[in-house]
Amino acid sequence: MSEQPIYVVGAGAWGSALAHTLGLAGRKVMLCGRDEVAIRTINEERRNPHYLKMVEMDAHVTAQLGYAGIEKAQAILLVVPAQASRAVLTEIGAERLAGKSIVLCAKGLEKDTLKRQSEILAEASPKAHAFVLSGPSFAVDVAQGKPTAVTLAGESIEAARKIVDLLAGPTFRPYSSDDIVGVELAGALKNIYALACGAVDGAELGLSARSSIMARAFAEMGPLVEAMGGAKESLNSLAGLGDLTLSCTARESRNFDFGYRLGAGESVAQIVDSGAKLAEGVHSSPVGLALADKYQVDAPIIKAVNALLAGQAPIEGLVAQLMARPLRSE
């Protein structure tokens, strides 16, 4: 095995969890962050003081401020929020990323450009090799060594399998795909639908209503994924149905929880003012609607979520509108 470290850029919950699980698999890992206290605490006490405090970071993991030595990385995992990806990639620099395997771990669409994460990478560093990691995975589960299976998409199955072999561990199992577009879109769109399902729960509309929204969301994703060049079959994968199911049923999902609070009567501003971090689906919802309009795909649930976020209607009224749509076969 190469002595070159795997670089994990982003020392939040997901970055820390991935760094730890790679360490458990015997990989040498450099975790790059911006918080000096967090970096020092990880190196000295083997814990991230801000995230996953119950987890003792594996000894194979070293933390540092910035990106020193990243040009020597065996592979790079970019684990920053989707809206920050472009800035971080630009800061690292195209030359240092050229020829490198970059595993994109954020599930979101850039709000100003409508770009997917791999499209952002292609613009920021055209000579880098894009891979996408997505699927049903909570950081705390991965960090605690609970069984987790995800999808790893690359330019080809052969290329993806090489990264799968690099990232796999005893309890962390990536499965290879060559559908970068479909896997990226599934990961981003499910955040929007998680807001809807959370709102249904928050408004106490019942499990039947939530299940109906989930099923129709799954059907709604297909035409948009296909229109944008992805494979509809990818929605039957861990990155599609698997992640949609997890995100639409658990309050541990940031998007579901944000939607839950919306459904319970809070506004976006009230939720944010309370100290909650803005869920990625809030950024992706207007992007999803713009893409649906661009590709002329009917997306009533995405439209409803945008109306909910804008405070144009309560979730009860939006669900009633969805239920009143013309009857047709599935």
C-alpha atoms as a PDB file:
ATOM      1  CA  MET A   1       0.000   0.000   0.000  1.00  0.00           C
ATOM      2  CA  SER A   2       1.260   3.494  -0.849  1.00  0.00           C
ATOM      3  CA  GLU A   3       2.691   5.559   1.973  1.00  0.00           C
ATOM      4  CA  GLN A   4       1.080   8.641   0.489  1.00  0.00           C
ATOM      5  CA  PRO A   5      -1.677   9.920   2.776  1.00  0.00           C
ATOM      6  CA  ILE A   6      -5.296  10.403   1.832  1.00  0.00           C
ATOM      7  CA  TYR A   7      -6.208  14.047   2.387  1.00  0.00           C
ATOM      8  CA  VAL A   8      -9.623  14.837   3.838  1.00  0.00           C
ATOM      9  CA  VAL A   9     -10.454  18.512   3.332  1.00  0.00           C
ATOM     10  CA  GLY A  10     -13.018  19.645   5.882  1.00  0.00           C
ATOM     11  CA  ALA A  11     -12.917  18.844   9.595  1.00  0.00           C
ATOM     12  CA  GLY A  12     -16.643  18.961  10.273  1.00  0.00           C
ATOM     13  CA  ALA A  13     -18.711  15.975  11.358  1.00  0.00           C
ATOM     14  CA  TRP A  14     -18.671  14.177   7.993  1.00  0.00           C
ATOM     15  CA  GLY A  15     -15.015  14.921   7.284  1.00  0.00           C
ATOM     16  CA  SER A  16     -13.991  13.745  10.734  1.00  0.00           C
ATOM     17  CA  ALA A  17     -16.072  10.584  10.417  1.00  0.00           C
ATOM     18  CA  LEU A  18     -14.555   9.713   7.034  1.00  0.00           C
ATOM     19  CA  ALA A  19     -11.032  10.430   8.256  1.00  0.00           C
ATOM     20  CA  HIS A  20     -11.589   8.205  11.276  1.00  0.00           C
ATOM     21  CA  THR A  21     -13.047   5.296   9.313  1.00  0.00           C
ATOM     22  CA  LEU A  22     -10.186   5.495   6.797  1.00  0.00           C
ATOM     23  CA  GLY A  23      -7.782   5.383   9.714  1.00  0.00           C
ATOM     24  CA  LEU A  24      -9.500   2.318  11.122  1.00  0.00           C
ATOM     25  CA  ALA A  25      -8.922   0.645   7.751  1.00  0.00           C
ATOM     26  CA  GLY A  26      -5.193   1.292   8.126  1.00  0.00           C
ATOM     27  CA  ARG A  27      -4.961   4.270   5.779  1.00  0.00           C
ATOM     28  CA  LYS A  28      -2.671   7.180   6.542  1.00  0.00           C
ATOM     29  CA  VAL A  29      -4.905  10.276   6.678  1.00  0.00           C
ATOM     30  CA  MET A  30      -4.308  14.027   6.778  1.00  0.00           C
ATOM     31  CA  LEU A  31      -7.384  15.915   7.964  1.00  0.00           C
ATOM     32  CA  CYS A  32      -7.359  19.559   6.850  1.00  0.00           C
ATOM     33  CA  GLY A  33      -9.357  22.135   8.757  1.00  0.00           C
ATOM     34  CA  ARG A  34      -9.590  25.853   9.520  1.00  0.00           C
ATOM     35  CA  ASP A  35     -10.147  25.820  13.302  1.00  0.00           C
ATOM     36  CA  GLU A  36      -6.855  25.940  15.194  1.00  0.00           C
ATOM     37  CA  VAL A  37      -8.400  24.654  18.426  1.00  0.00           C
ATOM     38  CA  ALA A  38      -9.992  21.710  16.647  1.00  0.00           C
ATOM     39  CA  ILE A  39      -6.746  20.802  14.887  1.00  0.00           C
ATOM     40  CA  ARG A  40      -4.724  20.934  18.093  1.00  0.00           C
ATOM     41  CA  THR A  41      -7.299  18.951  20.064  1.00  0.00           C
ATOM     42  CA  ILE A  42      -7.504  16.225  17.417  1.00  0.00           C
ATOM     43  CA  ASN A  43      -3.718  15.843  17.395  1.00  0.00           C
ATOM     44  CA  GLU A  44      -3.250  15.999  21.158  1.00  0.00           C
ATOM     45  CA  GLU A  45      -6.424  14.433  22.567  1.00  0.00           C
ATOM     46  CA  ARG A  46      -7.610  12.433  19.519  1.00  0.00           C
ATOM     47  CA  ARG A  47     -11.036  14.100  19.565  1.00  0.00           C
ATOM     48  CA  ASN A  48     -12.768  16.785  17.545  1.00  0.00           C
ATOM     49  CA  PRO A  49     -14.001  19.280  20.179  1.00  0.00           C
ATOM     50  CA  HIS A  50     -16.898  20.449  17.981  1.00  0.00           C
ATOM     51  CA  TYR A  51     -18.197  17.264  16.343  1.00  0.00           C
ATOM     52  CA  LEU A  52     -18.506  13.580  17.266  1.00  0.00           C
ATOM     53  CA  LYS A  53     -17.007  14.245  20.678  1.00  0.00           C
ATOM     54  CA  MET A  54     -17.679  10.676  21.771  1.00  0.00           C
ATOM     55  CA  VAL A  55     -15.315   9.249  19.132  1.00  0.00           C
ATOM     56  CA  GLU A  56     -11.596   8.810  19.732  1.00  0.00           C
ATOM     57  CA  MET A  57      -9.915   9.588  16.424  1.00  0.00           C
ATOM     58  CA  ASP A  58      -7.838   6.739  15.010  1.00  0.00           C
ATOM     59  CA  ALA A  59      -4.067   7.043  15.411  1.00  0.00           C
ATOM     60  CA  HIS A  60      -3.553   6.965  11.634  1.00  0.00           C
ATOM     61  CA  VAL A  61      -5.187  10.417  11.411  1.00  0.00           C
ATOM     62  CA  THR A  62      -3.185  13.634  11.661  1.00  0.00           C
ATOM     63  CA  ALA A  63      -4.813  17.061  11.483  1.00  0.00           C
ATOM     64  CA  GLN A  64      -3.428  20.306  10.088  1.00  0.00           C
ATOM     65  CA  LEU A  65      -4.417  23.855   9.255  1.00  0.00           C
ATOM     66  CA  GLY A  66      -4.553  24.438   5.513  1.00  0.00           C
ATOM     67  CA  TYR A  67      -3.496  22.208   2.663  1.00  0.00           C
ATOM     68  CA  ALA A  68       0.272  21.829   2.958  1.00  0.00           C
ATOM     69  CA  GLY A  69       1.519  18.752   1.081  1.00  0.00           C
ATOM     70  CA  ILE A  70      -1.783  18.092  -0.653  1.00  0.00           C
ATOM     71  CA  GLU A  71      -0.032  17.742  -4.009  1.00  0.00           C
ATOM     72  CA  LYS A  72       1.444  14.482  -2.669  1.00  0.00           C
ATOM     73  CA  ALA A  73      -1.927  13.026  -1.663  1.00  0.00           C
ATOM     74  CA  GLN A  74      -2.879   9.548  -2.782  1.00  0.00           C
ATOM     75  CA  ALA A  75      -6.442  10.853  -3.131  1.00  0.00           C
ATOM     76  CA  ILE A  76      -8.364  13.860  -1.840  1.00  0.00           C
ATOM     77  CA  LEU A  77     -11.793  13.804  -0.210  1.00  0.00           C
ATOM     78  CA  LEU A  78     -13.508  17.196  -0.444  1.00  0.00           C
ATOM     79  CA  VAL A  79     -15.864  17.304   2.541  1.00  0.00           C
ATOM     80  CA  VAL A  80     -16.996  20.912   2.786  1.00  0.00           C
ATOM     81  CA  PRO A  81     -20.521  22.318   2.315  1.00  0.00           C
ATOM     82  CA  ALA A  82     -21.672  22.336  -1.295  1.00  0.00           C
ATOM     83  CA  GLN A  83     -21.822  26.122  -1.416  1.00  0.00           C
ATOM     84  CA  ALA A  84     -18.188  26.356  -0.267  1.00  0.00           C
ATOM     85  CA  SER A  85     -16.711  23.849  -2.723  1.00  0.00           C
ATOM     86  CA  ARG A  86     -15.732  26.333  -5.420  1.00  0.00           C
ATOM     87  CA  ALA A  87     -13.970  28.671  -2.981  1.00  0.00           C
ATOM     88  CA  VAL A  88     -12.014  25.841  -1.343  1.00  0.00           C
ATOM     89  CA  LEU A  89     -10.990  24.306  -4.675  1.00  0.00           C
ATOM     90  CA  THR A  90      -9.861  27.723  -5.883  1.00  0.00           C
ATOM     91  CA  GLU A  91      -7.897  28.278  -2.674  1.00  0.00           C
ATOM     92  CA  ILE A  92      -6.081  24.937  -3.055  1.00  0.00           C
ATOM     93  CA  GLY A  93      -5.322  25.723  -6.687  1.00  0.00           C
ATOM     94  CA  ALA A  94      -5.733  23.931  -9.997  1.00  0.00           C
ATOM     95  CA  GLU A  95      -2.060  22.999 -10.304  1.00  0.00           C
ATOM     96  CA  ARG A  96      -1.965  21.147  -6.993  1.00  0.00           C
ATOM     97  CA  LEU A  97      -5.147  19.261  -7.891  1.00  0.00           C
ATOM     98  CA  ALA A  98      -4.109  18.361 -11.439  1.00  0.00           C
ATOM     99  CA  GLY A  99      -4.052  14.608 -12.000  1.00  0.00           C
ATOM    100  CA  LYS A 100      -5.467  13.913  -8.546  1.00  0.00           C
ATOM    101  CA  SER A 101      -8.489  11.774  -7.707  1.00  0.00           C
ATOM    102  CA  ILE A 102     -10.938  14.128  -5.988  1.00  0.00           C
ATOM    103  CA  VAL A 103     -13.802  12.460  -4.129  1.00  0.00           C
ATOM    104  CA  LEU A 104     -16.669  14.940  -3.864  1.00  0.00           C
ATOM    105  CA  CYS A 105     -18.641  14.294  -0.685  1.00  0.00           C
ATOM    106  CA  ALA A 106     -21.081  17.219  -0.553  1.00  0.00           C
ATOM    107  CA  LYS A 107     -24.682  16.625  -1.647  1.00  0.00           C
ATOM    108  CA  GLY A 108     -25.844  19.869  -3.143  1.00  0.00           C
ATOM    109  CA  LEU A 109     -26.198  22.145  -6.173  1.00  0.00           C
ATOM    110  CA  GLU A 110     -24.462  25.522  -6.400  1.00  0.00           C
ATOM    111  CA  LYS A 111     -27.204  28.079  -5.937  1.00  0.00           C
ATOM    112  CA  ASP A 112     -25.887  30.834  -8.232  1.00  0.00           C
ATOM    113  CA  THR A 113     -24.795  28.662 -11.162  1.00  0.00           C
ATOM    114  CA  LEU A 114     -27.064  25.558 -10.898  1.00  0.00           C
ATOM    115  CA  LYS A 115     -23.862  23.468 -11.139  1.00  0.00           C
ATOM    116  CA  ARG A 116     -23.279  20.004  -9.768  1.00  0.00           C
ATOM    117  CA  GLN A 117     -20.168  19.417  -7.652  1.00  0.00           C
ATOM    118  CA  SER A 118     -18.290  17.638 -10.451  1.00  0.00           C
ATOM    119  CA  GLU A 119     -19.032  20.549 -12.795  1.00  0.00           C
ATOM    120  CA  ILE A 120     -17.564  22.938 -10.233  1.00  0.00           C
ATOM    121  CA  LEU A 121     -14.439  20.773 -10.007  1.00  0.00           C
ATOM    122  CA  ALA A 122     -14.121  20.683 -13.799  1.00  0.00           C
ATOM    123  CA  GLU A 123     -14.109  24.479 -13.864  1.00  0.00           C
ATOM    124  CA  ALA A 124     -11.807  24.927 -10.867  1.00  0.00           C
ATOM    125  CA  SER A 125      -9.311  22.215 -11.862  1.00  0.00           C
ATOM    126  CA  PRO A 126      -9.915  20.764 -15.351  1.00  0.00           C
ATOM    127  CA  LYS A 127      -7.134  18.180 -15.023  1.00  0.00           C
ATOM    128  CA  ALA A 128      -8.429  16.624 -11.786  1.00  0.00           C
ATOM    129  CA  HIS A 129     -10.360  13.326 -11.813  1.00  0.00           C
ATOM    130  CA  ALA A 130     -13.826  13.562 -10.288  1.00  0.00           C
ATOM    131  CA  PHE A 131     -15.462  10.918  -8.119  1.00  0.00           C
ATOM    132  CA  VAL A 132     -18.704  11.258  -6.167  1.00  0.00           C
ATOM    133  CA  LEU A 133     -19.461   9.668  -2.796  1.00  0.00           C
ATOM    134  CA  SER A 134     -23.138   9.505  -1.892  1.00  0.00           C
ATOM    135  CA  GLY A 135     -25.626   7.265  -0.153  1.00  0.00           C
ATOM    136  CA  PRO A 136     -27.419   6.654   3.164  1.00  0.00           C
ATOM    137  CA  SER A 137     -24.848   7.664   5.743  1.00  0.00           C
ATOM    138  CA  PHE A 138     -24.985   9.629   8.974  1.00  0.00           C
ATOM    139  CA  ALA A 139     -21.612  10.827  10.246  1.00  0.00           C
ATOM    140  CA  VAL A 140     -22.200   9.478  13.738  1.00  0.00           C
ATOM    141  CA  ASP A 141     -22.953   5.982  12.411  1.00  0.00           C
ATOM    142  CA  VAL A 142     -19.818   5.913  10.270  1.00  0.00           C
ATOM    143  CA  ALA A 143     -17.651   7.274  13.078  1.00  0.00           C
ATOM    144  CA  GLN A 144     -18.945   4.658  15.515  1.00  0.00           C
ATOM    145  CA  GLY A 145     -18.208   1.835  13.090  1.00  0.00           C
ATOM    146  CA  LYS A 146     -21.818   0.969  12.366  1.00  0.00           C
ATOM    147  CA  PRO A 147     -22.402  -0.819   9.052  1.00  0.00           C
ATOM    148  CA  THR A 148     -22.736   1.695   6.229  1.00  0.00           C
ATOM    149  CA  ALA A 149     -22.964   1.135   2.467  1.00  0.00           C
ATOM    150  CA  VAL A 150     -22.687   3.969  -0.052  1.00  0.00           C
ATOM    151  CA  THR A 151     -22.207   4.584  -3.773  1.00  0.00           C
ATOM    152  CA  LEU A 152     -18.895   5.737  -5.280  1.00  0.00           C
ATOM    153  CA  ALA A 153     -19.247   7.035  -8.846  1.00  0.00           C
ATOM    154  CA  GLY A 154     -16.410   7.709 -11.251  1.00  0.00           C
ATOM    155  CA  GLU A 155     -15.752   8.288 -14.939  1.00  0.00           C
ATOM    156  CA  SER A 156     -15.760   4.508 -15.419  1.00  0.00           C
ATOM    157  CA  ILE A 157     -16.464   1.422 -13.327  1.00  0.00           C
ATOM    158  CA  GLU A 158     -12.762   0.548 -13.452  1.00  0.00           C
ATOM    159  CA  ALA A 159     -11.721   3.959 -12.133  1.00  0.00           C
ATOM    160  CA  ALA A 160     -14.412   3.859  -9.436  1.00  0.00           C
ATOM    161  CA  ARG A 161     -13.315   0.420  -8.243  1.00  0.00           C
ATOM    162  CA  LYS A 162      -9.806   1.684  -7.556  1.00  0.00           C
ATOM    163  CA  ILE A 163     -11.179   4.355  -5.239  1.00  0.00           C
ATOM    164  CA  VAL A 164     -13.625   1.854  -3.718  1.00  0.00           C
ATOM    165  CA  ASP A 165     -10.680  -0.346  -2.776  1.00  0.00           C
ATOM    166  CA  LEU A 166      -8.920   2.659  -1.272  1.00  0.00           C
ATOM    167  CA  LEU A 167     -11.851   3.808   0.870  1.00  0.00           C
ATOM    168  CA  ALA A 168     -13.430   0.506   1.929  1.00  0.00           C
ATOM    169  CA  GLY A 169     -13.115  -0.706   5.497  1.00  0.00           C
ATOM    170  CA  PRO A 170     -14.629  -3.402   7.721  1.00  0.00           C
ATOM    171  CA  THR A 171     -17.896  -1.486   8.215  1.00  0.00           C
ATOM    172  CA  PHE A 172     -17.739   1.117   5.422  1.00  0.00           C
ATOM    173  CA  ARG A 173     -18.586  -0.400   2.031  1.00  0.00           C
ATOM    174  CA  PRO A 174     -18.685   1.718  -1.131  1.00  0.00           C
ATOM    175  CA  TYR A 175     -20.210   0.222  -4.278  1.00  0.00           C
ATOM    176  CA  SER A 176     -18.935   1.391  -7.678  1.00  0.00           C
ATOM    177  CA  SER A 177     -20.910   3.246 -10.355  1.00  0.00           C
ATOM    178  CA  ASP A 178     -20.052   5.073 -13.571  1.00  0.00           C
ATOM    179  CA  ASP A 179     -23.035   7.444 -13.393  1.00  0.00           C
ATOM    180  CA  ILE A 180     -21.607  10.613 -11.846  1.00  0.00           C
ATOM    181  CA  VAL A 181     -24.539  12.744 -12.996  1.00  0.00           C
ATOM    182  CA  GLY A 182     -27.241  10.453 -11.640  1.00  0.00           C
ATOM    183  CA  VAL A 183     -25.512   9.880  -8.314  1.00  0.00           C
ATOM    184  CA  GLU A 184     -24.885  13.597  -7.802  1.00  0.00           C
ATOM    185  CA  LEU A 185     -28.446  14.565  -8.647  1.00  0.00           C
ATOM    186  CA  ALA A 186     -29.936  11.874  -6.419  1.00  0.00           C
ATOM    187  CA  GLY A 187     -27.887  13.147  -3.470  1.00  0.00           C
ATOM    188  CA  ALA A 188     -28.856  16.775  -4.052  1.00  0.00           C
ATOM    189  CA  LEU A 189     -32.539  16.264  -4.829  1.00  0.00           C
ATOM    190  CA  LYS A 190     -33.202  14.006  -1.859  1.00  0.00           C
ATOM    191  CA  ASN A 191     -32.412  16.966   0.410  1.00  0.00           C
ATOM    192  CA  ILE A 192     -35.332  18.854  -1.094  1.00  0.00           C
ATOM    193  CA  TYR A 193     -37.693  15.933  -0.579  1.00  0.00           C
ATOM    194  CA  ALA A 194     -36.436  15.466   2.987  1.00  0.00           C
ATOM    195  CA  LEU A 195     -37.637  19.004   3.721  1.00  0.00           C
ATOM    196  CA  ALA A 196     -41.083  18.032   2.428  1.00  0.00           C
ATOM    197  CA  CYS A 197     -41.283  14.832   4.462  1.00  0.00           C
ATOM    198  CA  GLY A 198     -40.051  16.593   7.574  1.00  0.00           C
ATOM    199  CA  ALA A 199     -42.715  19.251   7.148  1.00  0.00           C
ATOM    200  CA  VAL A 200     -45.407  16.575   6.823  1.00  0.00           C
ATOM    201  CA  ASP A 201     -44.238  15.069  10.102  1.00  0.00           C
ATOM    202  CA  GLY A 202     -43.969  18.451  11.803  1.00  0.00           C
ATOM    203  CA  ALA A 203     -47.553  19.243  10.831  1.00  0.00           C
ATOM    204  CA  GLU A 204     -48.683  15.818  12.107  1.00  0.00           C
ATOM    205  CA  LEU A 205     -50.282  14.882   8.795  1.00  0.00           C
ATOM    206  CA  GLY A 206     -49.566  11.206   9.361  1.00  0.00           C
ATOM    207  CA  LEU A 207     -47.258   8.457   8.193  1.00  0.00           C
ATOM    208  CA  SER A 208     -49.475   7.686   5.221  1.00  0.00           C
ATOM    209  CA  ALA A 209     -49.011  11.214   3.878  1.00  0.00           C
ATOM    210  CA  ARG A 210     -45.258  11.063   4.431  1.00  0.00           C
ATOM    211  CA  SER A 211     -45.000   7.715   2.656  1.00  0.00           C
ATOM    212  CA  SER A 212     -47.008   9.072  -0.260  1.00  0.00           C
ATOM    213  CA  ILE A 213     -44.701  12.072  -0.572  1.00  0.00           C
ATOM    214  CA  MET A 214     -41.654   9.780  -0.503  1.00  0.00           C
ATOM    215  CA  ALA A 215     -43.055   7.536  -3.220  1.00  0.00           C
ATOM    216  CA  ARG A 216     -44.024  10.433  -5.462  1.00  0.00           C
ATOM    217  CA  ALA A 217     -40.655  12.097  -4.813  1.00  0.00           C
ATOM    218  CA  PHE A 218     -38.897   8.975  -6.019  1.00  0.00           C
ATOM    219  CA  ALA A 219     -41.004   9.036  -9.184  1.00  0.00           C
ATOM    220  CA  GLU A 220     -40.441  12.776  -9.646  1.00  0.00           C
ATOM    221  CA  MET A 221     -36.655  12.431  -9.538  1.00  0.00           C
ATOM    222  CA  GLY A 222     -36.457  10.061 -12.491  1.00  0.00           C
ATOM    223  CA  PRO A 223     -37.442  12.344 -15.377  1.00  0.00           C
ATOM    224  CA  LEU A 224     -35.189  15.163 -14.159  1.00  0.00           C
ATOM    225  CA  VAL A 225     -32.202  12.848 -13.713  1.00  0.00           C
ATOM    226  CA  GLU A 226     -32.714  11.443 -17.205  1.00  0.00           C
ATOM    227  CA  ALA A 227     -33.226  14.873 -18.758  1.00  0.00           C
ATOM    228  CA  MET A 228     -29.892  16.013 -17.325  1.00  0.00           C
ATOM    229  CA  GLY A 229     -27.982  13.018 -18.655  1.00  0.00           C
ATOM    230  CA  GLY A 230     -28.054  10.669 -15.685  1.00  0.00           C
ATOM    231  CA  ALA A 231     -29.276   7.085 -15.621  1.00  0.00           C
ATOM    232  CA  LYS A 232     -32.700   6.537 -14.083  1.00  0.00           C
ATOM    233  CA  GLU A 233     -31.415   3.150 -12.864  1.00  0.00           C
ATOM    234  CA  SER A 234     -29.132   4.972 -10.425  1.00  0.00           C
ATOM    235  CA  LEU A 235     -32.203   5.919  -8.426  1.00  0.00           C
ATOM    236  CA  ASN A 236     -32.604   2.258  -7.468  1.00  0.00           C
ATOM    237  CA  SER A 237     -29.185   2.339  -5.810  1.00  0.00           C
ATOM    238  CA  LEU A 238     -27.868   3.282  -2.389  1.00  0.00           C
ATOM    239  CA  ALA A 239     -27.377   6.822  -3.681  1.00  0.00           C
ATOM    240  CA  GLY A 240     -31.005   6.994  -4.805  1.00  0.00           C
ATOM    241  CA  LEU A 241     -33.649   5.054  -2.910  1.00  0.00           C
ATOM    242  CA  GLY A 242     -31.305   4.286  -0.023  1.00  0.00           C
ATOM    243  CA  ASP A 243     -30.415   7.897   0.716  1.00  0.00           C
ATOM    244  CA  LEU A 244     -33.935   9.157   0.035  1.00  0.00           C
ATOM    245  CA  THR A 245     -35.363   6.709   2.566  1.00  0.00           C
ATOM    246  CA  LEU A 246     -32.872   7.628   5.284  1.00  0.00           C
ATOM    247  CA  SER A 247     -33.145  11.381   4.806  1.00  0.00           C
ATOM    248  CA  CYS A 248     -36.953  11.393   4.636  1.00  0.00           C
ATOM    249  CA  THR A 249     -37.586   9.403   7.806  1.00  0.00           C
ATOM    250  CA  ALA A 250     -35.108  10.509  10.512  1.00  0.00           C
ATOM    251  CA  ARG A 251     -34.831  13.685  12.572  1.00  0.00           C
ATOM    252  CA  GLU A 252     -31.081  13.050  12.584  1.00  0.00           C
ATOM    253  CA  SER A 253     -31.218  14.275   8.985  1.00  0.00           C
ATOM    254  CA  ARG A 254     -30.556  18.011   9.045  1.00  0.00           C
ATOM    255  CA  ASN A 255     -32.907  18.533   6.107  1.00  0.00           C
ATOM    256  CA  PHE A 256     -35.713  16.458   7.619  1.00  0.00           C
ATOM    257  CA  ASP A 257     -35.349  18.300  10.931  1.00  0.00           C
ATOM    258  CA  PHE A 258     -35.411  21.683   9.210  1.00  0.00           C
ATOM    259  CA  GLY A 259     -38.564  20.654   7.353  1.00  0.00           C
ATOM    260  CA  TYR A 260     -40.087  19.321  10.572  1.00  0.00           C
ATOM    261  CA  ARG A 261     -39.715  22.720  12.195  1.00  0.00           C
ATOM    262  CA  LEU A 262     -41.207  24.429   9.146  1.00  0.00           C
ATOM    263  CA  GLY A 263     -44.178  22.091   9.318  1.00  0.00           C
ATOM    264  CA  ALA A 264     -44.577  22.818  13.020  1.00  0.00           C
ATOM    265  CA  GLY A 265     -45.030  26.502  12.210  1.00  0.00           C
ATOM    266  CA  GLU A 266     -41.592  28.137  12.341  1.00  0.00           C
ATOM    267  CA  SER A 267     -40.270  30.272   9.502  1.00  0.00           C
ATOM    268  CA  VAL A 268     -36.885  29.846   7.846  1.00  0.00           C
ATOM    269  CA  ALA A 269     -35.658  32.994   9.622  1.00  0.00           C
ATOM    270  CA  GLN A 270     -36.838  31.739  13.030  1.00  0.00           C
ATOM    271  CA  ILE A 271     -35.099  28.395  12.567  1.00  0.00           C
ATOM    272  CA  VAL A 272     -31.844  30.030  11.516  1.00  0.00           C
ATOM    273  CA  ASP A 273     -32.048  32.656  14.293  1.00  0.00           C
ATOM    274  CA  SER A 274     -32.389  29.832  16.834  1.00  0.00           C
ATOM    275  CA  GLY A 275     -28.859  28.738  15.947  1.00  0.00           C
ATOM    276  CA  ALA A 276     -29.724  25.911  13.558  1.00  0.00           C
ATOM    277  CA  LYS A 277     -27.476  25.602  10.538  1.00  0.00           C
ATOM    278  CA  LEU A 278     -29.146  26.170   7.198  1.00  0.00           C
ATOM    279  CA  ALA A 279     -29.902  22.769   5.660  1.00  0.00           C
ATOM    280  CA  GLU A 280     -28.442  22.112   2.215  1.00  0.00           C
ATOM    281  CA  GLY A 281     -31.915  21.469   0.817  1.00  0.00           C
ATOM    282  CA  VAL A 282     -32.788  25.124   1.445  1.00  0.00           C
ATOM    283  CA  HIS A 283     -30.067  26.096  -1.048  1.00  0.00           C
ATOM    284  CA  SER A 284     -30.858  23.273  -3.469  1.00  0.00           C
ATOM    285  CA  SER A 285     -34.635  23.817  -3.620  1.00  0.00           C
ATOM    286  CA  PRO A 286     -34.622  26.919  -5.869  1.00  0.00           C
ATOM    287  CA  VAL A 287     -31.865  25.318  -7.951  1.00  0.00           C
ATOM    288  CA  GLY A 288     -33.939  22.158  -8.353  1.00  0.00           C
ATOM    289  CA  LEU A 289     -36.929  24.224  -9.458  1.00  0.00           C
ATOM    290  CA  ALA A 290     -34.817  26.196 -11.932  1.00  0.00           C
ATOM    291  CA  LEU A 291     -33.436  22.974 -13.393  1.00  0.00           C
ATOM    292  CA  ALA A 292     -36.901  21.438 -13.659  1.00  0.00           C
ATOM    293  CA  ASP A 293     -38.083  24.538 -15.540  1.00  0.00           C
ATOM    294  CA  LYS A 294     -34.969  24.522 -17.753  1.00  0.00           C
ATOM    295  CA  TYR A 295     -35.460  20.892 -18.746  1.00  0.00           C
ATOM    296  CA  GLN A 296     -39.270  21.189 -18.845  1.00  0.00           C
ATOM    297  CA  VAL A 297     -39.814  18.500 -16.229  1.00  0.00           C
ATOM    298  CA  ASP A 298     -42.924  18.535 -14.045  1.00  0.00           C
ATOM    299  CA  ALA A 299     -41.785  18.692 -10.405  1.00  0.00           C
ATOM    300  CA  PRO A 300     -44.793  19.524  -8.189  1.00  0.00           C
ATOM    301  CA  ILE A 301     -43.124  18.508  -4.922  1.00  0.00           C
ATOM    302  CA  ILE A 302     -40.089  20.684  -5.593  1.00  0.00           C
ATOM    303  CA  LYS A 303     -42.469  23.548  -6.395  1.00  0.00           C
ATOM    304  CA  ALA A 304     -44.328  22.938  -3.148  1.00  0.00           C
ATOM    305  CA  VAL A 305     -41.112  22.957  -1.101  1.00  0.00           C
ATOM    306  CA  ASN A 306     -40.107  26.289  -2.642  1.00  0.00           C
ATOM    307  CA  ALA A 307     -43.507  27.726  -1.747  1.00  0.00           C
ATOM    308  CA  LEU A 308     -43.123  26.419   1.795  1.00  0.00           C
ATOM    309  CA  LEU A 309     -39.666  27.968   2.182  1.00  0.00           C
ATOM    310  CA  ALA A 310     -40.968  31.287   0.849  1.00  0.00           C
ATOM    311  CA  GLY A 311     -43.814  31.253   3.370  1.00  0.00           C
ATOM    312  CA  GLN A 312     -46.393  31.332   0.586  1.00  0.00           C
ATOM    313  CA  ALA A 313     -48.465  28.489   2.018  1.00  0.00           C
ATOM    314  CA  PRO A 314     -48.457  26.109   5.005  1.00  0.00           C
ATOM    315  CA  ILE A 315     -47.570  22.473   4.412  1.00  0.00           C
ATOM    316  CA  GLU A 316     -51.195  21.418   4.976  1.00  0.00           C
ATOM    317  CA  GLY A 317     -52.331  23.512   2.028  1.00  0.00           C
ATOM    318  CA  LEU A 318     -49.480  22.345  -0.181  1.00  0.00           C
ATOM    319  CA  VAL A 319     -50.205  18.694   0.523  1.00  0.00           C
ATOM    320  CA  ALA A 320     -53.875  19.333  -0.246  1.00  0.00           C
ATOM    321  CA  GLN A 321     -52.822  20.823  -3.599  1.00  0.00           C
ATOM    322  CA  LEU A 322     -50.666  17.798  -4.354  1.00  0.00           C
ATOM    323  CA  MET A 323     -53.540  15.470  -3.475  1.00  0.00           C
ATOM    324  CA  ALA A 324     -55.848  17.450  -5.770  1.00  0.00           C
ATOM    325  CA  ARG A 325     -53.697  16.972  -8.871  1.00  0.00           C
ATOM    326  CA  PRO A 326     -55.425  15.184 -11.768  1.00  0.00           C
ATOM    327  CA  LEU A 327     -55.870  11.469 -11.245  1.00  0.00           C
ATOM    328  CA  ARG A 328     -53.755   9.333 -13.557  1.00  0.00           C
ATOM    329  CA  SER A 329     -51.965   6.022 -13.614  1.00  0.00           C
ATOM    330  CA  GLU A 330     -48.608   5.720 -11.930  1.00  0.00           C
END
